Amino acid sequence: MARGLDPASSLTGRFITVSHENVTPAATTAARTLFRAALGGVLVAHGSQKLFGWFGGGGIEETSKGMDAMGFRPAKTSAMLAGLGEAGAGLALALGFATPAAGAAAATTMGVAASVHAPNGFFAMDGGLEYPAVLGLAATSFAIGGPGRVSLDALTGHVLDRPWMRAVAVTAIPVAIGVQIYRRRQALAADQTPASSSAPADDASPLPA
């Protein structure tokens, strides 16, 4: 054994080297790109159902009816925002463009959707929040960590992917979700309040003299 060489530190150094070699930058980039593209594709498909009626969706009119029933008012505007929050943000995520804003928009849309499913519990098979919550967390992770090297943001010098933009986007997500949940609850509460009806006045005709 070489003089002055600590066996423990040598062994630790070897393990650290092996650990670093197990995950190469190319593999990390490929994994991030694949996951981002898949997430964006799923969101685009769901948004297209709402906006255009593609893939068996109901389009704006049917989506508006569902939004109204769930307490999102005005219903048509809510339907369009939900569709754009999925399709538009999903496309931007898939391309890795304006990733903080895209991730925040998708995460907000999915967070609101998760709040609607929350009364049914967690699991998707019971109508729970599992599916939209996972999509929302995935979108948030890209808003925090960025799109990676293979992206339009990287190609354009991260003009729309600055560190401060990521911080603002992540901060805005819970605020936007909270506002939408509050507005929905207010609308549903108003639906449960019976309309005040005034009794019609008696139309008493004068007695004949």
N, C-alpha and C. Protein backbone atom coordinates (compact mmCIF):
# COMPACT_ATOMS: atom_id res chain seq x y z
N MET A 1 0.85 -1.20 0.00
CA MET A 1 0.00 0.00 0.00
C MET A 1 0.88 1.24 0.00
N ALA A 2 0.51 2.24 -0.80
CA ALA A 2 1.32 3.45 -0.91
C ALA A 2 1.30 4.21 0.42
N ARG A 3 2.49 4.79 0.77
CA ARG A 3 2.60 5.52 2.03
C ARG A 3 1.78 6.81 1.95
N GLY A 4 1.12 7.13 3.07
CA GLY A 4 0.36 8.36 3.14
C GLY A 4 -1.02 8.30 2.49
N LEU A 5 -1.40 7.11 2.00
CA LEU A 5 -2.71 6.98 1.32
C LEU A 5 -3.72 6.38 2.28
N ASP A 6 -4.76 7.07 2.53
CA ASP A 6 -5.80 6.60 3.44
C ASP A 6 -6.70 5.64 2.68
N PRO A 7 -6.77 4.36 3.09
CA PRO A 7 -7.61 3.39 2.37
C PRO A 7 -9.07 3.80 2.33
N ALA A 8 -9.56 4.36 3.44
CA ALA A 8 -10.98 4.73 3.48
C ALA A 8 -11.30 5.82 2.46
N SER A 9 -10.42 6.85 2.41
CA SER A 9 -10.67 7.95 1.48
C SER A 9 -10.53 7.48 0.04
N SER A 10 -9.57 6.53 -0.19
CA SER A 10 -9.41 6.01 -1.54
C SER A 10 -10.65 5.26 -1.99
N LEU A 11 -11.20 4.44 -1.07
CA LEU A 11 -12.39 3.66 -1.40
C LEU A 11 -13.59 4.57 -1.63
N THR A 12 -13.71 5.60 -0.77
CA THR A 12 -14.82 6.55 -0.93
C THR A 12 -14.72 7.28 -2.26
N GLY A 13 -13.51 7.67 -2.62
CA GLY A 13 -13.31 8.36 -3.89
C GLY A 13 -13.72 7.50 -5.07
N ARG A 14 -13.42 6.20 -4.98
CA ARG A 14 -13.80 5.30 -6.07
C ARG A 14 -15.31 5.20 -6.19
N PHE A 15 -16.00 5.09 -5.06
CA PHE A 15 -17.46 4.99 -5.09
C PHE A 15 -18.08 6.26 -5.66
N ILE A 16 -17.53 7.42 -5.26
CA ILE A 16 -18.06 8.69 -5.76
C ILE A 16 -17.87 8.77 -7.27
N THR A 17 -16.70 8.31 -7.75
CA THR A 17 -16.44 8.34 -9.18
C THR A 17 -17.42 7.45 -9.93
N VAL A 18 -17.64 6.26 -9.41
CA VAL A 18 -18.58 5.34 -10.05
C VAL A 18 -19.98 5.93 -10.07
N SER A 19 -20.39 6.56 -8.96
CA SER A 19 -21.72 7.15 -8.88
C SER A 19 -21.90 8.23 -9.94
N HIS A 20 -20.87 9.06 -10.14
CA HIS A 20 -20.96 10.12 -11.14
C HIS A 20 -21.02 9.54 -12.54
N GLU A 21 -20.34 8.45 -12.78
CA GLU A 21 -20.31 7.86 -14.11
C GLU A 21 -21.64 7.18 -14.46
N ASN A 22 -22.44 6.83 -13.44
CA ASN A 22 -23.70 6.14 -13.70
C ASN A 22 -24.73 7.05 -14.34
N VAL A 23 -24.65 8.36 -14.12
CA VAL A 23 -25.59 9.32 -14.70
C VAL A 23 -24.80 10.34 -15.49
N THR A 24 -24.79 10.20 -16.78
CA THR A 24 -24.05 11.13 -17.62
C THR A 24 -24.92 12.33 -17.98
N PRO A 25 -24.31 13.45 -18.32
CA PRO A 25 -25.10 14.61 -18.75
C PRO A 25 -26.00 14.32 -19.94
N ALA A 26 -25.52 13.48 -20.85
CA ALA A 26 -26.33 13.14 -22.01
C ALA A 26 -27.58 12.36 -21.61
N ALA A 27 -27.42 11.45 -20.64
CA ALA A 27 -28.57 10.67 -20.18
C ALA A 27 -29.57 11.55 -19.46
N THR A 28 -29.06 12.48 -18.64
CA THR A 28 -29.94 13.41 -17.94
C THR A 28 -30.72 14.27 -18.91
N THR A 29 -30.06 14.77 -19.93
CA THR A 29 -30.71 15.59 -20.94
C THR A 29 -31.76 14.81 -21.70
N ALA A 30 -31.44 13.57 -22.06
CA ALA A 30 -32.38 12.74 -22.79
C ALA A 30 -33.61 12.43 -21.95
N ALA A 31 -33.39 12.11 -20.67
CA ALA A 31 -34.51 11.78 -19.79
C ALA A 31 -35.42 12.99 -19.58
N ARG A 32 -34.82 14.15 -19.35
CA ARG A 32 -35.60 15.36 -19.14
C ARG A 32 -36.39 15.74 -20.39
N THR A 33 -35.76 15.62 -21.55
CA THR A 33 -36.43 15.96 -22.80
C THR A 33 -37.59 15.01 -23.07
N LEU A 34 -37.37 13.72 -22.85
CA LEU A 34 -38.42 12.73 -23.08
C LEU A 34 -39.62 12.97 -22.16
N PHE A 35 -39.33 13.22 -20.89
CA PHE A 35 -40.41 13.44 -19.93
C PHE A 35 -41.17 14.72 -20.24
N ARG A 36 -40.43 15.77 -20.61
CA ARG A 36 -41.07 17.06 -20.92
C ARG A 36 -41.97 16.94 -22.15
N ALA A 37 -41.48 16.25 -23.18
CA ALA A 37 -42.27 16.08 -24.40
C ALA A 37 -43.51 15.24 -24.14
N ALA A 38 -43.37 14.19 -23.33
CA ALA A 38 -44.52 13.35 -23.01
C ALA A 38 -45.56 14.10 -22.20
N LEU A 39 -45.11 14.85 -21.21
CA LEU A 39 -46.03 15.65 -20.40
C LEU A 39 -46.75 16.67 -21.27
N GLY A 40 -46.01 17.37 -22.12
CA GLY A 40 -46.62 18.35 -23.00
C GLY A 40 -47.62 17.72 -23.94
N GLY A 41 -47.31 16.55 -24.47
CA GLY A 41 -48.22 15.87 -25.37
C GLY A 41 -49.53 15.49 -24.71
N VAL A 42 -49.45 15.00 -23.48
CA VAL A 42 -50.67 14.65 -22.74
C VAL A 42 -51.54 15.88 -22.51
N LEU A 43 -50.91 16.98 -22.13
CA LEU A 43 -51.65 18.21 -21.88
C LEU A 43 -52.28 18.75 -23.16
N VAL A 44 -51.56 18.68 -24.27
CA VAL A 44 -52.11 19.14 -25.56
C VAL A 44 -53.33 18.32 -25.94
N ALA A 45 -53.26 17.02 -25.74
CA ALA A 45 -54.39 16.15 -26.09
C ALA A 45 -55.62 16.51 -25.27
N HIS A 46 -55.45 16.71 -23.97
CA HIS A 46 -56.60 17.05 -23.12
C HIS A 46 -57.14 18.44 -23.44
N GLY A 47 -56.26 19.38 -23.70
CA GLY A 47 -56.72 20.71 -24.05
C GLY A 47 -57.44 20.75 -25.38
N SER A 48 -57.00 19.92 -26.33
CA SER A 48 -57.66 19.85 -27.63
C SER A 48 -59.07 19.29 -27.51
N GLN A 49 -59.27 18.41 -26.56
CA GLN A 49 -60.63 17.92 -26.32
C GLN A 49 -61.57 19.07 -25.94
N LYS A 50 -61.07 19.93 -25.08
CA LYS A 50 -61.90 21.04 -24.60
C LYS A 50 -62.09 22.13 -25.66
N LEU A 51 -61.02 22.44 -26.37
CA LEU A 51 -61.07 23.57 -27.31
C LEU A 51 -61.72 23.20 -28.64
N PHE A 52 -61.37 22.02 -29.17
CA PHE A 52 -61.76 21.67 -30.53
C PHE A 52 -62.64 20.43 -30.63
N GLY A 53 -62.85 19.75 -29.52
CA GLY A 53 -63.64 18.53 -29.57
C GLY A 53 -62.88 17.35 -30.16
N TRP A 54 -61.55 17.45 -30.24
CA TRP A 54 -60.76 16.34 -30.77
C TRP A 54 -60.66 15.21 -29.75
N PHE A 55 -60.29 14.04 -30.25
CA PHE A 55 -60.06 12.85 -29.41
C PHE A 55 -61.27 12.53 -28.54
N GLY A 56 -62.46 12.73 -29.09
CA GLY A 56 -63.67 12.39 -28.35
C GLY A 56 -64.11 13.42 -27.36
N GLY A 57 -63.52 14.61 -27.39
CA GLY A 57 -63.90 15.66 -26.45
C GLY A 57 -65.18 16.37 -26.85
N GLY A 58 -65.65 17.21 -25.97
CA GLY A 58 -66.93 17.89 -26.21
C GLY A 58 -66.81 19.25 -26.83
N GLY A 59 -65.59 19.77 -27.00
CA GLY A 59 -65.44 21.10 -27.55
C GLY A 59 -65.84 22.17 -26.54
N ILE A 60 -65.79 23.41 -26.99
CA ILE A 60 -66.06 24.53 -26.10
C ILE A 60 -67.47 24.49 -25.52
N GLU A 61 -68.46 24.18 -26.35
CA GLU A 61 -69.85 24.24 -25.89
C GLU A 61 -70.11 23.22 -24.78
N GLU A 62 -69.72 21.98 -25.00
CA GLU A 62 -69.95 20.95 -23.98
C GLU A 62 -69.09 21.19 -22.75
N THR A 63 -67.86 21.63 -22.98
CA THR A 63 -66.99 21.93 -21.84
C THR A 63 -67.56 23.08 -21.02
N SER A 64 -68.16 24.06 -21.70
CA SER A 64 -68.77 25.19 -20.98
C SER A 64 -69.89 24.72 -20.07
N LYS A 65 -70.67 23.78 -20.54
CA LYS A 65 -71.76 23.25 -19.71
C LYS A 65 -71.21 22.57 -18.46
N GLY A 66 -70.14 21.80 -18.67
CA GLY A 66 -69.53 21.15 -17.52
C GLY A 66 -68.93 22.15 -16.55
N MET A 67 -68.31 23.18 -17.07
CA MET A 67 -67.73 24.21 -16.21
C MET A 67 -68.81 24.92 -15.39
N ASP A 68 -69.93 25.20 -16.03
CA ASP A 68 -71.02 25.86 -15.33
C ASP A 68 -71.56 24.99 -14.20
N ALA A 69 -71.69 23.70 -14.48
CA ALA A 69 -72.19 22.77 -13.46
C ALA A 69 -71.23 22.64 -12.29
N MET A 70 -69.94 22.79 -12.57
CA MET A 70 -68.94 22.67 -11.50
C MET A 70 -68.73 23.98 -10.73
N GLY A 71 -69.33 25.07 -11.23
CA GLY A 71 -69.24 26.33 -10.51
C GLY A 71 -68.21 27.30 -11.04
N PHE A 72 -67.68 27.04 -12.23
CA PHE A 72 -66.71 27.95 -12.82
C PHE A 72 -67.44 28.93 -13.73
N ARG A 73 -67.47 30.19 -13.32
CA ARG A 73 -68.20 31.23 -14.05
C ARG A 73 -67.26 32.39 -14.40
N PRO A 74 -67.46 33.03 -15.56
CA PRO A 74 -68.35 32.63 -16.65
C PRO A 74 -67.88 31.33 -17.29
N ALA A 75 -68.83 30.49 -17.65
CA ALA A 75 -68.51 29.13 -18.04
C ALA A 75 -67.69 29.05 -19.32
N LYS A 76 -68.07 29.84 -20.33
CA LYS A 76 -67.35 29.74 -21.61
C LYS A 76 -65.92 30.25 -21.46
N THR A 77 -65.74 31.33 -20.74
CA THR A 77 -64.39 31.85 -20.50
C THR A 77 -63.56 30.83 -19.73
N SER A 78 -64.19 30.20 -18.74
CA SER A 78 -63.48 29.19 -17.95
C SER A 78 -63.08 28.00 -18.81
N ALA A 79 -63.97 27.61 -19.73
CA ALA A 79 -63.66 26.49 -20.62
C ALA A 79 -62.48 26.82 -21.53
N MET A 80 -62.47 28.03 -22.05
CA MET A 80 -61.37 28.44 -22.92
C MET A 80 -60.06 28.52 -22.16
N LEU A 81 -60.10 29.06 -20.95
CA LEU A 81 -58.88 29.17 -20.14
C LEU A 81 -58.35 27.79 -19.76
N ALA A 82 -59.26 26.87 -19.44
CA ALA A 82 -58.83 25.51 -19.10
C ALA A 82 -58.20 24.83 -20.32
N GLY A 83 -58.82 25.02 -21.49
CA GLY A 83 -58.28 24.42 -22.70
C GLY A 83 -56.92 24.99 -23.06
N LEU A 84 -56.78 26.32 -22.92
CA LEU A 84 -55.50 26.95 -23.20
C LEU A 84 -54.45 26.59 -22.16
N GLY A 85 -54.90 26.46 -20.91
CA GLY A 85 -53.98 26.08 -19.84
C GLY A 85 -53.41 24.70 -20.04
N GLU A 86 -54.13 23.86 -20.78
CA GLU A 86 -53.64 22.52 -21.08
C GLU A 86 -52.94 22.48 -22.45
N ALA A 87 -53.66 22.87 -23.50
CA ALA A 87 -53.10 22.75 -24.86
C ALA A 87 -51.96 23.75 -25.10
N GLY A 88 -52.21 25.01 -24.77
CA GLY A 88 -51.18 26.02 -25.00
C GLY A 88 -49.95 25.81 -24.15
N ALA A 89 -50.17 25.62 -22.86
CA ALA A 89 -49.04 25.40 -21.97
C ALA A 89 -48.36 24.07 -22.27
N GLY A 90 -49.14 23.06 -22.65
CA GLY A 90 -48.57 21.77 -22.99
C GLY A 90 -47.66 21.84 -24.21
N LEU A 91 -48.09 22.59 -25.23
CA LEU A 91 -47.26 22.75 -26.42
C LEU A 91 -45.97 23.48 -26.08
N ALA A 92 -46.07 24.54 -25.26
CA ALA A 92 -44.88 25.28 -24.86
C ALA A 92 -43.93 24.40 -24.05
N LEU A 93 -44.47 23.57 -23.19
CA LEU A 93 -43.62 22.66 -22.41
C LEU A 93 -42.95 21.63 -23.31
N ALA A 94 -43.70 21.09 -24.25
CA ALA A 94 -43.12 20.09 -25.15
C ALA A 94 -41.96 20.67 -25.95
N LEU A 95 -42.08 21.95 -26.33
CA LEU A 95 -41.02 22.61 -27.08
C LEU A 95 -39.94 23.20 -26.17
N GLY A 96 -40.24 23.28 -24.87
CA GLY A 96 -39.30 23.90 -23.95
C GLY A 96 -39.18 25.39 -24.18
N PHE A 97 -40.32 26.05 -24.35
CA PHE A 97 -40.34 27.48 -24.65
C PHE A 97 -41.10 28.22 -23.56
N ALA A 98 -40.48 29.30 -23.05
CA ALA A 98 -41.08 30.07 -21.95
C ALA A 98 -41.50 29.12 -20.84
N THR A 99 -40.59 28.26 -20.45
CA THR A 99 -40.91 27.16 -19.55
C THR A 99 -41.46 27.59 -18.20
N PRO A 100 -40.97 28.64 -17.56
CA PRO A 100 -41.57 29.03 -16.28
C PRO A 100 -43.05 29.38 -16.40
N ALA A 101 -43.41 30.18 -17.41
CA ALA A 101 -44.81 30.56 -17.60
C ALA A 101 -45.64 29.37 -18.01
N ALA A 102 -45.11 28.54 -18.91
CA ALA A 102 -45.85 27.35 -19.36
C ALA A 102 -46.08 26.38 -18.22
N GLY A 103 -45.04 26.14 -17.44
CA GLY A 103 -45.19 25.23 -16.30
C GLY A 103 -46.18 25.75 -15.28
N ALA A 104 -46.14 27.07 -15.03
CA ALA A 104 -47.07 27.65 -14.06
C ALA A 104 -48.51 27.58 -14.55
N ALA A 105 -48.72 27.84 -15.85
CA ALA A 105 -50.08 27.78 -16.40
C ALA A 105 -50.64 26.37 -16.33
N ALA A 106 -49.82 25.38 -16.70
CA ALA A 106 -50.27 23.99 -16.65
C ALA A 106 -50.50 23.54 -15.21
N ALA A 107 -49.59 23.92 -14.32
CA ALA A 107 -49.72 23.52 -12.92
C ALA A 107 -50.96 24.13 -12.28
N THR A 108 -51.25 25.39 -12.62
CA THR A 108 -52.45 26.03 -12.07
C THR A 108 -53.71 25.33 -12.56
N THR A 109 -53.77 25.05 -13.86
CA THR A 109 -54.94 24.36 -14.42
C THR A 109 -55.14 23.00 -13.77
N MET A 110 -54.05 22.26 -13.61
CA MET A 110 -54.15 20.93 -13.02
C MET A 110 -54.45 21.00 -11.52
N GLY A 111 -53.93 22.03 -10.87
CA GLY A 111 -54.22 22.19 -9.44
C GLY A 111 -55.69 22.46 -9.19
N VAL A 112 -56.28 23.30 -10.03
CA VAL A 112 -57.71 23.57 -9.90
C VAL A 112 -58.52 22.31 -10.19
N ALA A 113 -58.11 21.57 -11.22
CA ALA A 113 -58.79 20.31 -11.53
C ALA A 113 -58.69 19.32 -10.38
N ALA A 114 -57.51 19.28 -9.74
CA ALA A 114 -57.32 18.38 -8.60
C ALA A 114 -58.25 18.75 -7.45
N SER A 115 -58.48 20.05 -7.26
CA SER A 115 -59.37 20.48 -6.18
C SER A 115 -60.81 20.02 -6.42
N VAL A 116 -61.20 19.94 -7.69
CA VAL A 116 -62.55 19.45 -8.02
C VAL A 116 -62.67 17.96 -7.70
N HIS A 117 -61.60 17.21 -7.95
CA HIS A 117 -61.62 15.76 -7.73
C HIS A 117 -61.32 15.39 -6.28
N ALA A 118 -60.82 16.32 -5.49
CA ALA A 118 -60.39 16.02 -4.13
C ALA A 118 -61.46 15.35 -3.26
N PRO A 119 -62.73 15.74 -3.34
CA PRO A 119 -63.74 15.08 -2.50
C PRO A 119 -63.86 13.57 -2.76
N ASN A 120 -63.37 13.11 -3.91
CA ASN A 120 -63.45 11.68 -4.22
C ASN A 120 -62.23 10.90 -3.73
N GLY A 121 -61.35 11.56 -3.01
CA GLY A 121 -60.17 10.87 -2.50
C GLY A 121 -58.98 11.02 -3.42
N PHE A 122 -58.02 10.12 -3.28
CA PHE A 122 -56.77 10.23 -4.02
C PHE A 122 -56.76 9.49 -5.34
N PHE A 123 -57.20 8.25 -5.36
CA PHE A 123 -56.98 7.39 -6.52
C PHE A 123 -57.87 7.75 -7.69
N ALA A 124 -57.26 7.70 -8.89
CA ALA A 124 -57.97 8.07 -10.11
C ALA A 124 -59.13 7.12 -10.40
N MET A 125 -58.99 5.85 -10.03
CA MET A 125 -60.04 4.88 -10.30
C MET A 125 -61.33 5.20 -9.54
N ASP A 126 -61.22 5.99 -8.49
CA ASP A 126 -62.40 6.41 -7.73
C ASP A 126 -62.81 7.84 -8.07
N GLY A 127 -62.19 8.40 -9.13
CA GLY A 127 -62.47 9.78 -9.49
C GLY A 127 -61.71 10.78 -8.64
N GLY A 128 -60.61 10.34 -8.03
CA GLY A 128 -59.85 11.20 -7.13
C GLY A 128 -58.88 12.12 -7.85
N LEU A 129 -58.06 12.79 -7.07
CA LEU A 129 -57.19 13.84 -7.59
C LEU A 129 -55.85 13.35 -8.11
N GLU A 130 -55.62 12.06 -8.07
CA GLU A 130 -54.30 11.49 -8.40
C GLU A 130 -53.76 11.99 -9.75
N TYR A 131 -54.53 11.85 -10.80
CA TYR A 131 -54.05 12.16 -12.16
C TYR A 131 -53.72 13.64 -12.35
N PRO A 132 -54.67 14.56 -12.11
CA PRO A 132 -54.31 15.97 -12.30
C PRO A 132 -53.22 16.45 -11.34
N ALA A 133 -53.18 15.87 -10.13
CA ALA A 133 -52.14 16.28 -9.18
C ALA A 133 -50.75 15.91 -9.68
N VAL A 134 -50.61 14.72 -10.24
CA VAL A 134 -49.31 14.29 -10.76
C VAL A 134 -48.89 15.16 -11.95
N LEU A 135 -49.84 15.45 -12.84
CA LEU A 135 -49.53 16.31 -13.98
C LEU A 135 -49.12 17.71 -13.50
N GLY A 136 -49.83 18.22 -12.50
CA GLY A 136 -49.51 19.54 -11.97
C GLY A 136 -48.14 19.59 -11.33
N LEU A 137 -47.80 18.56 -10.57
CA LEU A 137 -46.48 18.52 -9.93
C LEU A 137 -45.37 18.39 -10.98
N ALA A 138 -45.63 17.62 -12.03
CA ALA A 138 -44.64 17.48 -13.09
C ALA A 138 -44.41 18.82 -13.78
N ALA A 139 -45.49 19.54 -14.06
CA ALA A 139 -45.35 20.85 -14.69
C ALA A 139 -44.61 21.82 -13.78
N THR A 140 -44.88 21.74 -12.49
CA THR A 140 -44.18 22.60 -11.53
C THR A 140 -42.69 22.31 -11.50
N SER A 141 -42.33 21.04 -11.64
CA SER A 141 -40.91 20.68 -11.61
C SER A 141 -40.15 21.32 -12.76
N PHE A 142 -40.81 21.47 -13.92
CA PHE A 142 -40.13 22.13 -15.04
C PHE A 142 -40.10 23.64 -14.85
N ALA A 143 -41.13 24.19 -14.22
CA ALA A 143 -41.11 25.62 -13.91
C ALA A 143 -39.96 25.94 -12.96
N ILE A 144 -39.63 25.00 -12.08
CA ILE A 144 -38.54 25.20 -11.12
C ILE A 144 -37.18 24.94 -11.76
N GLY A 145 -37.06 23.78 -12.42
CA GLY A 145 -35.76 23.32 -12.89
C GLY A 145 -35.41 23.68 -14.32
N GLY A 146 -36.36 24.21 -15.08
CA GLY A 146 -36.08 24.56 -16.46
C GLY A 146 -36.25 23.41 -17.42
N PRO A 147 -36.17 23.68 -18.72
CA PRO A 147 -36.48 22.67 -19.73
C PRO A 147 -35.32 21.76 -20.11
N GLY A 148 -34.11 22.16 -19.80
CA GLY A 148 -32.96 21.36 -20.21
C GLY A 148 -32.31 21.90 -21.48
N ARG A 149 -31.29 21.20 -21.93
CA ARG A 149 -30.48 21.69 -23.05
C ARG A 149 -31.22 21.62 -24.38
N VAL A 150 -32.01 20.57 -24.59
CA VAL A 150 -32.72 20.41 -25.86
C VAL A 150 -34.07 21.11 -25.74
N SER A 151 -34.08 22.40 -26.01
CA SER A 151 -35.30 23.20 -25.84
C SER A 151 -35.14 24.51 -26.59
N LEU A 152 -36.28 25.13 -26.87
CA LEU A 152 -36.24 26.44 -27.50
C LEU A 152 -35.70 27.50 -26.55
N ASP A 153 -35.94 27.32 -25.27
CA ASP A 153 -35.38 28.26 -24.30
C ASP A 153 -33.85 28.26 -24.36
N ALA A 154 -33.26 27.08 -24.43
CA ALA A 154 -31.79 26.99 -24.53
C ALA A 154 -31.32 27.59 -25.85
N LEU A 155 -32.10 27.35 -26.91
CA LEU A 155 -31.71 27.84 -28.23
C LEU A 155 -31.74 29.37 -28.29
N THR A 156 -32.65 29.97 -27.54
CA THR A 156 -32.80 31.44 -27.56
C THR A 156 -32.07 32.12 -26.40
N GLY A 157 -31.18 31.39 -25.76
CA GLY A 157 -30.40 31.99 -24.68
C GLY A 157 -31.18 32.21 -23.40
N HIS A 158 -32.25 31.45 -23.19
CA HIS A 158 -33.07 31.52 -21.97
C HIS A 158 -33.62 32.93 -21.72
N VAL A 159 -33.99 33.59 -22.81
CA VAL A 159 -34.57 34.92 -22.69
C VAL A 159 -35.86 34.90 -21.88
N LEU A 160 -36.64 33.83 -22.04
CA LEU A 160 -37.91 33.70 -21.31
C LEU A 160 -37.82 32.62 -20.24
N ASP A 161 -36.62 32.40 -19.76
CA ASP A 161 -36.40 31.37 -18.74
C ASP A 161 -35.34 31.84 -17.74
N ARG A 162 -35.51 33.06 -17.26
CA ARG A 162 -34.58 33.62 -16.29
C ARG A 162 -34.87 33.06 -14.90
N PRO A 163 -33.87 33.05 -14.01
CA PRO A 163 -34.10 32.57 -12.64
C PRO A 163 -35.22 33.32 -11.92
N TRP A 164 -35.31 34.63 -12.11
CA TRP A 164 -36.36 35.39 -11.44
C TRP A 164 -37.74 35.03 -12.00
N MET A 165 -37.79 34.67 -13.28
CA MET A 165 -39.06 34.25 -13.87
C MET A 165 -39.53 32.93 -13.26
N ARG A 166 -38.59 32.05 -13.00
CA ARG A 166 -38.94 30.78 -12.36
C ARG A 166 -39.49 31.02 -10.95
N ALA A 167 -38.84 31.93 -10.22
CA ALA A 167 -39.30 32.22 -8.86
C ALA A 167 -40.71 32.82 -8.87
N VAL A 168 -40.93 33.76 -9.78
CA VAL A 168 -42.26 34.39 -9.87
C VAL A 168 -43.31 33.35 -10.27
N ALA A 169 -42.98 32.51 -11.23
CA ALA A 169 -43.93 31.51 -11.72
C ALA A 169 -44.34 30.55 -10.61
N VAL A 170 -43.36 30.05 -9.88
CA VAL A 170 -43.66 29.07 -8.81
C VAL A 170 -44.47 29.73 -7.70
N THR A 171 -44.17 30.99 -7.39
CA THR A 171 -44.92 31.70 -6.36
C THR A 171 -46.36 31.94 -6.80
N ALA A 172 -46.56 32.17 -8.09
CA ALA A 172 -47.90 32.49 -8.60
C ALA A 172 -48.82 31.28 -8.63
N ILE A 173 -48.26 30.07 -8.68
CA ILE A 173 -49.10 28.87 -8.83
C ILE A 173 -50.10 28.72 -7.70
N PRO A 174 -49.68 28.66 -6.43
CA PRO A 174 -50.67 28.47 -5.36
C PRO A 174 -51.63 29.65 -5.24
N VAL A 175 -51.15 30.86 -5.55
CA VAL A 175 -52.03 32.02 -5.49
C VAL A 175 -53.15 31.91 -6.51
N ALA A 176 -52.78 31.58 -7.75
CA ALA A 176 -53.79 31.45 -8.81
C ALA A 176 -54.77 30.31 -8.51
N ILE A 177 -54.26 29.20 -8.00
CA ILE A 177 -55.14 28.09 -7.65
C ILE A 177 -56.10 28.51 -6.55
N GLY A 178 -55.60 29.20 -5.54
CA GLY A 178 -56.45 29.64 -4.43
C GLY A 178 -57.55 30.58 -4.88
N VAL A 179 -57.22 31.50 -5.80
CA VAL A 179 -58.23 32.42 -6.30
C VAL A 179 -59.34 31.68 -7.04
N GLN A 180 -58.96 30.73 -7.87
CA GLN A 180 -59.96 29.98 -8.63
C GLN A 180 -60.85 29.13 -7.71
N ILE A 181 -60.24 28.52 -6.71
CA ILE A 181 -61.02 27.70 -5.78
C ILE A 181 -62.00 28.59 -5.01
N TYR A 182 -61.54 29.76 -4.58
CA TYR A 182 -62.41 30.68 -3.85
C TYR A 182 -63.58 31.13 -4.72
N ARG A 183 -63.31 31.50 -5.95
CA ARG A 183 -64.38 31.95 -6.84
C ARG A 183 -65.38 30.83 -7.11
N ARG A 184 -64.88 29.62 -7.25
CA ARG A 184 -65.79 28.48 -7.49
C ARG A 184 -66.68 28.25 -6.27
N ARG A 185 -66.10 28.29 -5.10
CA ARG A 185 -66.90 28.07 -3.89
C ARG A 185 -67.95 29.16 -3.72
N GLN A 186 -67.58 30.38 -4.06
CA GLN A 186 -68.55 31.47 -3.98
C GLN A 186 -69.70 31.25 -4.94
N ALA A 187 -69.39 30.79 -6.15
CA ALA A 187 -70.43 30.55 -7.14
C ALA A 187 -71.35 29.41 -6.71
N LEU A 188 -70.78 28.34 -6.18
CA LEU A 188 -71.59 27.21 -5.73
C LEU A 188 -72.45 27.60 -4.54
N ALA A 189 -71.91 28.43 -3.65
CA ALA A 189 -72.69 28.88 -2.50
C ALA A 189 -73.86 29.74 -2.96
N ALA A 190 -73.62 30.56 -3.96
CA ALA A 190 -74.71 31.39 -4.49
C ALA A 190 -75.79 30.53 -5.13
N ASP A 191 -75.39 29.42 -5.76
CA ASP A 191 -76.37 28.52 -6.36
C ASP A 191 -77.26 27.86 -5.31
N GLN A 192 -76.68 27.64 -4.11
CA GLN A 192 -77.44 26.98 -3.05
C GLN A 192 -78.36 27.94 -2.31
N THR A 193 -78.12 29.24 -2.46
CA THR A 193 -78.94 30.23 -1.77
C THR A 193 -80.23 30.45 -2.54
N PRO A 194 -81.39 30.20 -1.91
CA PRO A 194 -82.64 30.39 -2.63
C PRO A 194 -82.86 31.86 -2.96
N ALA A 195 -83.34 32.09 -4.16
CA ALA A 195 -83.59 33.47 -4.57
C ALA A 195 -84.72 34.06 -3.74
N SER A 196 -84.50 35.29 -3.30
CA SER A 196 -85.53 35.93 -2.49
C SER A 196 -86.71 36.29 -3.37
N SER A 197 -87.83 35.80 -3.00
CA SER A 197 -89.04 36.07 -3.79
C SER A 197 -90.03 36.85 -2.93
N SER A 198 -90.47 37.91 -3.46
CA SER A 198 -91.46 38.71 -2.74
C SER A 198 -92.85 38.27 -3.14
N ALA A 199 -93.71 38.13 -2.13
CA ALA A 199 -95.07 37.69 -2.39
C ALA A 199 -95.81 38.77 -3.16
N PRO A 200 -96.55 38.38 -4.18
CA PRO A 200 -97.28 39.38 -4.97
C PRO A 200 -98.33 40.08 -4.12
N ALA A 201 -98.41 41.36 -4.28
CA ALA A 201 -99.40 42.13 -3.51
C ALA A 201 -100.80 41.77 -3.95
N ASP A 202 -101.71 41.75 -2.94
CA ASP A 202 -103.11 41.43 -3.25
C ASP A 202 -103.71 42.53 -4.12
N ASP A 203 -104.26 42.10 -5.21
CA ASP A 203 -104.89 43.06 -6.12
C ASP A 203 -106.35 43.22 -5.70
N ALA A 204 -106.52 44.00 -4.61
CA ALA A 204 -107.88 44.16 -4.05
C ALA A 204 -108.65 45.19 -4.86
N SER A 205 -109.75 44.79 -5.39
CA SER A 205 -110.58 45.73 -6.12
C SER A 205 -111.54 46.45 -5.18
N PRO A 206 -111.80 47.68 -5.39
CA PRO A 206 -112.67 48.42 -4.47
C PRO A 206 -114.09 47.84 -4.49
N LEU A 207 -114.67 47.84 -3.28
CA LEU A 207 -116.03 47.33 -3.18
C LEU A 207 -117.02 48.32 -3.81
N PRO A 208 -118.01 47.80 -4.44
CA PRO A 208 -119.00 48.71 -5.00
C PRO A 208 -119.75 49.46 -3.94
N ALA A 209 -120.11 50.65 -4.20
CA ALA A 209 -120.83 51.49 -3.24
C ALA A 209 -122.24 50.98 -3.09
